């Protein structure tokens, strides 16, 4: 079973550590697969992971839907704003 939500929060909690092992003086951080594969994670029982996933998945779905809606609204704004500014479109 895929427990993306648990892994996401686990990695978020290790953000500083990941940044530390990924620093190499370049503009972007890179953690090589050898270092990444050595990261140990304590996994809860499968039943607990399933319950956690069921509980948290709707929040991730809402975030995804909101991001999609933001993109749509941004495109609409970017299309309409120049037309409003130029007078091509009027609002009553």
C-alpha atoms as a PDB file:
ATOM      1  CA  UNK A   1       0.000   0.000   0.000  1.00  0.00           C
ATOM      2  CA  UNK A   2       1.145   3.547  -0.727  1.00  0.00           C
ATOM      3  CA  UNK A   3       1.457   5.835   2.313  1.00  0.00           C
ATOM      4  CA  UNK A   4       2.405   9.099   0.595  1.00  0.00           C
ATOM      5  CA  UNK A   5       0.856  11.267   3.294  1.00  0.00           C
ATOM      6  CA  UNK A   6       2.878   9.626   6.061  1.00  0.00           C
ATOM      7  CA  UNK A   7       6.096   9.881   4.031  1.00  0.00           C
ATOM      8  CA  UNK A   8       5.340  13.538   3.224  1.00  0.00           C
ATOM      9  CA  UNK A   9       4.998  14.464   6.899  1.00  0.00           C
ATOM     10  CA  UNK A  10       8.008  12.338   7.820  1.00  0.00           C
ATOM     11  CA  UNK A  11      10.183  14.165   5.280  1.00  0.00           C
ATOM     12  CA  UNK A  12       8.748  17.550   6.278  1.00  0.00           C
ATOM     13  CA  UNK A  13       9.825  16.790   9.834  1.00  0.00           C
ATOM     14  CA  UNK A  14      13.339  16.085   8.549  1.00  0.00           C
ATOM     15  CA  UNK A  15      13.580  19.152   6.337  1.00  0.00           C
ATOM     16  CA  UNK A  16      16.604  20.604   8.133  1.00  0.00           C
ATOM     17  CA  UNK A  17      18.416  17.271   8.020  1.00  0.00           C
ATOM     18  CA  UNK A  18      17.644  16.859   4.309  1.00  0.00           C
ATOM     19  CA  UNK A  19      18.883  20.388   3.652  1.00  0.00           C
ATOM     20  CA  UNK A  20      22.053  19.671   5.612  1.00  0.00           C
ATOM     21  CA  UNK A  21      22.899  16.482   3.715  1.00  0.00           C
ATOM     22  CA  UNK A  22      21.876  18.072   0.432  1.00  0.00           C
ATOM     23  CA  UNK A  23      24.058  21.126   0.661  1.00  0.00           C
ATOM     24  CA  UNK A  24      26.942  21.053  -1.709  1.00  0.00           C
ATOM     25  CA  UNK A  25      27.548  24.658  -2.617  1.00  0.00           C
ATOM     26  CA  UNK A  26      25.272  24.608  -5.641  1.00  0.00           C
ATOM     27  CA  UNK A  27      22.170  26.716  -6.174  1.00  0.00           C
ATOM     28  CA  UNK A  28      19.917  23.675  -5.775  1.00  0.00           C
ATOM     29  CA  UNK A  29      20.048  21.063  -3.083  1.00  0.00           C
ATOM     30  CA  UNK A  30      20.648  17.476  -4.141  1.00  0.00           C
ATOM     31  CA  UNK A  31      20.491  14.431  -1.923  1.00  0.00           C
ATOM     32  CA  UNK A  32      22.046  11.513  -3.751  1.00  0.00           C
ATOM     33  CA  UNK A  33      20.219   8.199  -3.743  1.00  0.00           C
ATOM     34  CA  UNK A  34      22.913   6.571  -1.615  1.00  0.00           C
ATOM     35  CA  UNK A  35      22.412   9.109   1.186  1.00  0.00           C
ATOM     36  CA  UNK A  36      18.632   9.086   0.790  1.00  0.00           C
ATOM     37  CA  UNK A  37      18.404   5.300   0.959  1.00  0.00           C
ATOM     38  CA  UNK A  38      20.262   5.321   4.290  1.00  0.00           C
ATOM     39  CA  UNK A  39      17.584   7.450   5.995  1.00  0.00           C
ATOM     40  CA  UNK A  40      15.863   5.305   8.591  1.00  0.00           C
ATOM     41  CA  UNK A  41      12.167   5.689   9.265  1.00  0.00           C
ATOM     42  CA  UNK A  42      10.261   4.088  12.094  1.00  0.00           C
ATOM     43  CA  UNK A  43       7.001   2.865  10.607  1.00  0.00           C
ATOM     44  CA  UNK A  44       3.842   2.541  12.661  1.00  0.00           C
ATOM     45  CA  UNK A  45       1.778  -0.600  12.266  1.00  0.00           C
ATOM     46  CA  UNK A  46       0.082  -1.043   8.903  1.00  0.00           C
ATOM     47  CA  UNK A  47      -3.329  -0.642  10.539  1.00  0.00           C
ATOM     48  CA  UNK A  48      -2.303   2.705  12.036  1.00  0.00           C
ATOM     49  CA  UNK A  49      -0.892   3.840   8.684  1.00  0.00           C
ATOM     50  CA  UNK A  50      -4.139   2.890   6.933  1.00  0.00           C
ATOM     51  CA  UNK A  51      -6.222   4.799   9.486  1.00  0.00           C
ATOM     52  CA  UNK A  52      -3.907   7.814   9.240  1.00  0.00           C
ATOM     53  CA  UNK A  53      -4.119   7.758   5.449  1.00  0.00           C
ATOM     54  CA  UNK A  54      -7.923   7.553   5.514  1.00  0.00           C
ATOM     55  CA  UNK A  55      -8.068  10.474   7.916  1.00  0.00           C
ATOM     56  CA  UNK A  56      -5.577  12.762   6.179  1.00  0.00           C
ATOM     57  CA  UNK A  57      -6.241  11.943   2.489  1.00  0.00           C
ATOM     58  CA  UNK A  58      -9.300  14.252   2.232  1.00  0.00           C
ATOM     59  CA  UNK A  59      -7.133  17.203   3.315  1.00  0.00           C
ATOM     60  CA  UNK A  60      -4.576  16.442   0.602  1.00  0.00           C
ATOM     61  CA  UNK A  61      -7.400  16.143  -1.930  1.00  0.00           C
ATOM     62  CA  UNK A  62      -8.750  19.541  -0.841  1.00  0.00           C
ATOM     63  CA  UNK A  63      -5.282  21.090  -1.197  1.00  0.00           C
ATOM     64  CA  UNK A  64      -5.001  19.611  -4.687  1.00  0.00           C
ATOM     65  CA  UNK A  65      -8.454  20.919  -5.671  1.00  0.00           C
ATOM     66  CA  UNK A  66      -7.643  24.369  -4.292  1.00  0.00           C
ATOM     67  CA  UNK A  67      -4.376  24.476  -6.263  1.00  0.00           C
ATOM     68  CA  UNK A  68      -6.252  23.583  -9.459  1.00  0.00           C
ATOM     69  CA  UNK A  69      -8.843  26.277  -8.788  1.00  0.00           C
ATOM     70  CA  UNK A  70      -6.103  28.848  -8.097  1.00  0.00           C
ATOM     71  CA  UNK A  71      -4.504  28.042 -11.459  1.00  0.00           C
ATOM     72  CA  UNK A  72      -7.849  28.447 -13.237  1.00  0.00           C
ATOM     73  CA  UNK A  73      -8.580  31.746 -11.502  1.00  0.00           C
ATOM     74  CA  UNK A  74      -5.069  33.023 -12.222  1.00  0.00           C
ATOM     75  CA  UNK A  75      -5.455  32.273 -15.938  1.00  0.00           C
ATOM     76  CA  UNK A  76      -8.865  33.962 -15.978  1.00  0.00           C
ATOM     77  CA  UNK A  77      -7.457  37.031 -14.230  1.00  0.00           C
ATOM     78  CA  UNK A  78      -4.487  37.190 -16.575  1.00  0.00           C
ATOM     79  CA  UNK A  79      -6.828  36.991 -19.571  1.00  0.00           C
ATOM     80  CA  UNK A  80      -9.397  39.510 -18.335  1.00  0.00           C
ATOM     81  CA  UNK A  81      -7.220  42.136 -16.665  1.00  0.00           C
ATOM     82  CA  UNK A  82      -5.557  43.464 -19.831  1.00  0.00           C
ATOM     83  CA  UNK A  83      -8.967  43.599 -21.542  1.00  0.00           C
ATOM     84  CA  UNK A  84     -10.436  45.528 -18.613  1.00  0.00           C
ATOM     85  CA  UNK A  85      -7.488  47.929 -18.556  1.00  0.00           C
ATOM     86  CA  UNK A  86      -7.727  48.585 -22.296  1.00  0.00           C
ATOM     87  CA  UNK A  87     -11.492  49.035 -22.214  1.00  0.00           C
ATOM     88  CA  UNK A  88     -12.209  46.003 -24.426  1.00  0.00           C
ATOM     89  CA  UNK A  89     -14.348  44.581 -21.611  1.00  0.00           C
ATOM     90  CA  UNK A  90     -16.560  46.609 -19.304  1.00  0.00           C
ATOM     91  CA  UNK A  91     -18.100  45.662 -15.969  1.00  0.00           C
ATOM     92  CA  UNK A  92     -21.525  47.098 -15.113  1.00  0.00           C
END
